[in-house]
C-alpha atoms as a PDB file:
ATOM      1  CA  UNK A   1      19.558 -26.071  16.075  1.00  0.00           C
ATOM      2  CA  UNK A   2      16.832 -23.426  15.710  1.00  0.00           C
ATOM      3  CA  UNK A   3      19.351 -21.181  13.973  1.00  0.00           C
ATOM      4  CA  UNK A   4      20.000 -23.895  11.393  1.00  0.00           C
ATOM      5  CA  UNK A   5      16.289 -24.253  10.712  1.00  0.00           C
ATOM      6  CA  UNK A   6      15.779 -20.537  10.279  1.00  0.00           C
ATOM      7  CA  UNK A   7      19.005 -19.657   8.495  1.00  0.00           C
ATOM      8  CA  UNK A   8      17.697 -20.979   5.182  1.00  0.00           C
ATOM      9  CA  UNK A   9      14.861 -18.441   5.094  1.00  0.00           C
ATOM     10  CA  UNK A  10      15.338 -15.504   2.772  1.00  0.00           C
ATOM     11  CA  UNK A  11      16.154 -12.330   4.706  1.00  0.00           C
ATOM     12  CA  UNK A  12      14.296  -9.137   3.809  1.00  0.00           C
ATOM     13  CA  UNK A  13      13.973  -5.773   5.528  1.00  0.00           C
ATOM     14  CA  UNK A  14      11.249  -5.572   8.170  1.00  0.00           C
ATOM     15  CA  UNK A  15       8.451  -3.047   7.827  1.00  0.00           C
ATOM     16  CA  UNK A  16       5.578  -2.094  10.069  1.00  0.00           C
ATOM     17  CA  UNK A  17       2.201  -3.755   9.396  1.00  0.00           C
ATOM     18  CA  UNK A  18      -0.282  -1.500   7.606  1.00  0.00           C
ATOM     19  CA  UNK A  19      -3.638  -0.662   9.240  1.00  0.00           C
ATOM     20  CA  UNK A  20      -6.881  -2.041   7.855  1.00  0.00           C
ATOM     21  CA  UNK A  21      -8.803   0.607   5.885  1.00  0.00           C
ATOM     22  CA  UNK A  22     -12.014   1.737   7.643  1.00  0.00           C
ATOM     23  CA  UNK A  23     -15.086  -0.171   6.477  1.00  0.00           C
ATOM     24  CA  UNK A  24     -13.002  -2.847   4.766  1.00  0.00           C
ATOM     25  CA  UNK A  25     -14.471  -6.334   4.508  1.00  0.00           C
ATOM     26  CA  UNK A  26     -11.157  -7.809   3.296  1.00  0.00           C
ATOM     27  CA  UNK A  27     -10.604  -9.389   6.702  1.00  0.00           C
ATOM     28  CA  UNK A  28     -13.837 -11.374   6.353  1.00  0.00           C
ATOM     29  CA  UNK A  29     -12.739 -12.585   2.913  1.00  0.00           C
ATOM     30  CA  UNK A  30      -9.316 -13.641   4.209  1.00  0.00           C
ATOM     31  CA  UNK A  31     -10.562 -15.235   7.470  1.00  0.00           C
ATOM     32  CA  UNK A  32     -10.995 -18.784   6.124  1.00  0.00           C
ATOM     33  CA  UNK A  33      -8.352 -21.468   6.264  1.00  0.00           C
ATOM     34  CA  UNK A  34      -8.236 -21.845   2.479  1.00  0.00           C
ATOM     35  CA  UNK A  35      -7.637 -18.087   2.075  1.00  0.00           C
ATOM     36  CA  UNK A  36      -5.021 -18.090   4.853  1.00  0.00           C
ATOM     37  CA  UNK A  37      -3.277 -21.064   3.219  1.00  0.00           C
ATOM     38  CA  UNK A  38      -3.298 -19.441  -0.228  1.00  0.00           C
ATOM     39  CA  UNK A  39      -2.529 -15.827   0.761  1.00  0.00           C
ATOM     40  CA  UNK A  40      -0.313 -16.195   3.829  1.00  0.00           C
ATOM     41  CA  UNK A  41       1.090 -19.684   4.414  1.00  0.00           C
ATOM     42  CA  UNK A  42       1.914 -20.462   0.764  1.00  0.00           C
ATOM     43  CA  UNK A  43       3.443 -17.049   0.059  1.00  0.00           C
ATOM     44  CA  UNK A  44       5.144 -16.154   3.345  1.00  0.00           C
ATOM     45  CA  UNK A  45       5.766 -19.359   5.294  1.00  0.00           C
ATOM     46  CA  UNK A  46       5.855 -22.537   3.188  1.00  0.00           C
ATOM     47  CA  UNK A  47       8.943 -21.440   1.270  1.00  0.00           C
ATOM     48  CA  UNK A  48      12.216 -23.197   0.507  1.00  0.00           C
ATOM     49  CA  UNK A  49      14.314 -23.389   3.661  1.00  0.00           C
ATOM     50  CA  UNK A  50      11.430 -22.427   5.924  1.00  0.00           C
ATOM     51  CA  UNK A  51       8.139 -24.237   6.654  1.00  0.00           C
ATOM     52  CA  UNK A  52       7.857 -26.553   3.655  1.00  0.00           C
ATOM     53  CA  UNK A  53       8.075 -30.341   3.605  1.00  0.00           C
ATOM     54  CA  UNK A  54      11.436 -31.796   2.658  1.00  0.00           C
ATOM     55  CA  UNK A  55      13.296 -28.520   3.223  1.00  0.00           C
ATOM     56  CA  UNK A  56      15.219 -29.944   6.169  1.00  0.00           C
ATOM     57  CA  UNK A  57      15.814 -33.197   7.993  1.00  0.00           C
ATOM     58  CA  UNK A  58      15.764 -31.553  11.424  1.00  0.00           C
ATOM     59  CA  UNK A  59      13.070 -32.833  13.801  1.00  0.00           C
ATOM     60  CA  UNK A  60      10.323 -30.486  14.880  1.00  0.00           C
ATOM     61  CA  UNK A  61      10.249 -28.332  11.763  1.00  0.00           C
ATOM     62  CA  UNK A  62       6.677 -27.217  11.145  1.00  0.00           C
ATOM     63  CA  UNK A  63       5.481 -28.061   7.608  1.00  0.00           C
ATOM     64  CA  UNK A  64       2.910 -25.496   6.459  1.00  0.00           C
ATOM     65  CA  UNK A  65       2.567 -26.863   2.928  1.00  0.00           C
ATOM     66  CA  UNK A  66      -0.898 -27.113   1.413  1.00  0.00           C
ATOM     67  CA  UNK A  67      -2.531 -30.412   2.318  1.00  0.00           C
ATOM     68  CA  UNK A  68      -0.693 -30.843   5.637  1.00  0.00           C
ATOM     69  CA  UNK A  69      -0.704 -27.400   7.272  1.00  0.00           C
ATOM     70  CA  UNK A  70      -4.119 -27.689   8.938  1.00  0.00           C
ATOM     71  CA  UNK A  71      -3.373 -31.050  10.569  1.00  0.00           C
ATOM     72  CA  UNK A  72       0.029 -29.729  11.702  1.00  0.00           C
ATOM     73  CA  UNK A  73      -1.497 -26.641  13.324  1.00  0.00           C
ATOM     74  CA  UNK A  74      -4.897 -27.153  14.952  1.00  0.00           C
ATOM     75  CA  UNK A  75      -4.886 -28.722  18.441  1.00  0.00           C
ATOM     76  CA  UNK A  76      -1.187 -29.638  18.098  1.00  0.00           C
ATOM     77  CA  UNK A  77       1.138 -28.616  20.958  1.00  0.00           C
ATOM     78  CA  UNK A  78       3.888 -26.165  20.089  1.00  0.00           C
ATOM     79  CA  UNK A  79       7.405 -27.534  20.342  1.00  0.00           C
ATOM     80  CA  UNK A  80       8.845 -24.208  21.542  1.00  0.00           C
ATOM     81  CA  UNK A  81       6.162 -23.676  24.212  1.00  0.00           C
ATOM     82  CA  UNK A  82       4.264 -26.953  24.778  1.00  0.00           C
ATOM     83  CA  UNK A  83       1.816 -25.253  27.141  1.00  0.00           C
ATOM     84  CA  UNK A  84       0.321 -23.677  23.995  1.00  0.00           C
ATOM     85  CA  UNK A  85      -1.243 -25.437  21.037  1.00  0.00           C
ATOM     86  CA  UNK A  86      -0.074 -24.093  17.702  1.00  0.00           C
ATOM     87  CA  UNK A  87      -3.724 -23.191  17.043  1.00  0.00           C
ATOM     88  CA  UNK A  88      -6.261 -23.359  19.883  1.00  0.00           C
ATOM     89  CA  UNK A  89      -9.672 -22.994  18.184  1.00  0.00           C
ATOM     90  CA  UNK A  90     -11.592 -20.001  19.512  1.00  0.00           C
ATOM     91  CA  UNK A  91      -8.560 -18.624  21.367  1.00  0.00           C
ATOM     92  CA  UNK A  92      -6.095 -16.615  19.265  1.00  0.00           C
ATOM     93  CA  UNK A  93      -4.250 -15.282  22.315  1.00  0.00           C
ATOM     94  CA  UNK A  94      -3.622 -18.895  23.415  1.00  0.00           C
ATOM     95  CA  UNK A  95      -2.537 -19.994  19.927  1.00  0.00           C
ATOM     96  CA  UNK A  96       1.240 -20.061  19.594  1.00  0.00           C
ATOM     97  CA  UNK A  97       1.223 -19.492  15.825  1.00  0.00           C
ATOM     98  CA  UNK A  98      -0.754 -16.290  16.384  1.00  0.00           C
ATOM     99  CA  UNK A  99       1.661 -15.196  19.115  1.00  0.00           C
ATOM    100  CA  UNK A 100       4.606 -15.880  16.763  1.00  0.00           C
ATOM    101  CA  UNK A 101       3.154 -13.662  14.027  1.00  0.00           C
ATOM    102  CA  UNK A 102       2.446 -10.786  16.426  1.00  0.00           C
ATOM    103  CA  UNK A 103       5.699 -11.293  18.354  1.00  0.00           C
ATOM    104  CA  UNK A 104       4.244 -11.579  21.864  1.00  0.00           C
ATOM    105  CA  UNK A 105       5.149 -14.107  24.601  1.00  0.00           C
ATOM    106  CA  UNK A 106       7.332 -16.204  22.272  1.00  0.00           C
ATOM    107  CA  UNK A 107      10.622 -18.069  22.186  1.00  0.00           C
ATOM    108  CA  UNK A 108      12.923 -16.969  19.381  1.00  0.00           C
ATOM    109  CA  UNK A 109      11.988 -14.566  16.621  1.00  0.00           C
ATOM    110  CA  UNK A 110       8.725 -13.181  15.319  1.00  0.00           C
ATOM    111  CA  UNK A 111       7.494 -14.957  12.188  1.00  0.00           C
ATOM    112  CA  UNK A 112       7.970 -14.858   9.331  1.00  0.00           C
ATOM    113  CA  UNK A 113      11.639 -14.800  10.318  1.00  0.00           C
ATOM    114  CA  UNK A 114      13.807 -12.459   8.280  1.00  0.00           C
ATOM    115  CA  UNK A 115      10.876 -11.288   6.171  1.00  0.00           C
ATOM    116  CA  UNK A 116       8.343  -8.481   6.360  1.00  0.00           C
ATOM    117  CA  UNK A 117       5.825  -9.076   9.161  1.00  0.00           C
ATOM    118  CA  UNK A 118       2.260  -9.839   8.202  1.00  0.00           C
ATOM    119  CA  UNK A 119       0.129  -6.785   7.528  1.00  0.00           C
ATOM    120  CA  UNK A 120      -2.454  -5.773  10.095  1.00  0.00           C
ATOM    121  CA  UNK A 121      -5.130  -7.017   7.684  1.00  0.00           C
ATOM    122  CA  UNK A 122      -3.456 -10.447   7.506  1.00  0.00           C
ATOM    123  CA  UNK A 123      -3.006 -10.613  11.283  1.00  0.00           C
ATOM    124  CA  UNK A 124      -6.668  -9.740  11.835  1.00  0.00           C
ATOM    125  CA  UNK A 125      -7.728 -12.392   9.302  1.00  0.00           C
ATOM    126  CA  UNK A 126      -5.751 -15.040  11.221  1.00  0.00           C
ATOM    127  CA  UNK A 127      -7.221 -13.784  14.517  1.00  0.00           C
ATOM    128  CA  UNK A 128     -10.754 -13.926  13.117  1.00  0.00           C
ATOM    129  CA  UNK A 129     -10.238 -17.423  11.675  1.00  0.00           C
ATOM    130  CA  UNK A 130      -8.965 -18.733  15.025  1.00  0.00           C
ATOM    131  CA  UNK A 131     -11.716 -16.911  16.963  1.00  0.00           C
ATOM    132  CA  UNK A 132     -14.322 -18.491  14.690  1.00  0.00           C
ATOM    133  CA  UNK A 133     -13.320 -22.035  15.746  1.00  0.00           C
ATOM    134  CA  UNK A 134     -10.421 -22.439  13.249  1.00  0.00           C
ATOM    135  CA  UNK A 135     -12.439 -24.547  10.831  1.00  0.00           C
ATOM    136  CA  UNK A 136     -10.817 -26.192   7.821  1.00  0.00           C
END
């Protein structure tokens, strides 16, 4: 069933994340939920066939569309690994969404599946947002 959910995602070549330039404050700018929604979830996750409402009738598909993503992520148990919340405020290394984007201690594939991984700057922005209590 997981294959069916993920098979609709567009497949692109994978590349290595790029390092954050020294002295950059871009991570601070990106480390809010609204920036993460706009710059990461909307452009890399909430796409047709992936994590967008109405893209599938299969149960358990995570909708990361604007307006519902936050409530579907924070303090919500993961379906793949219920011992983890999708986002555990203050604890990125205990947040399954964070583990899925870095590819550590996960079931299935690193996210975004079949697409370029998030850049190091994007990963650090997500880490910082979660570490800072994952506020909306």
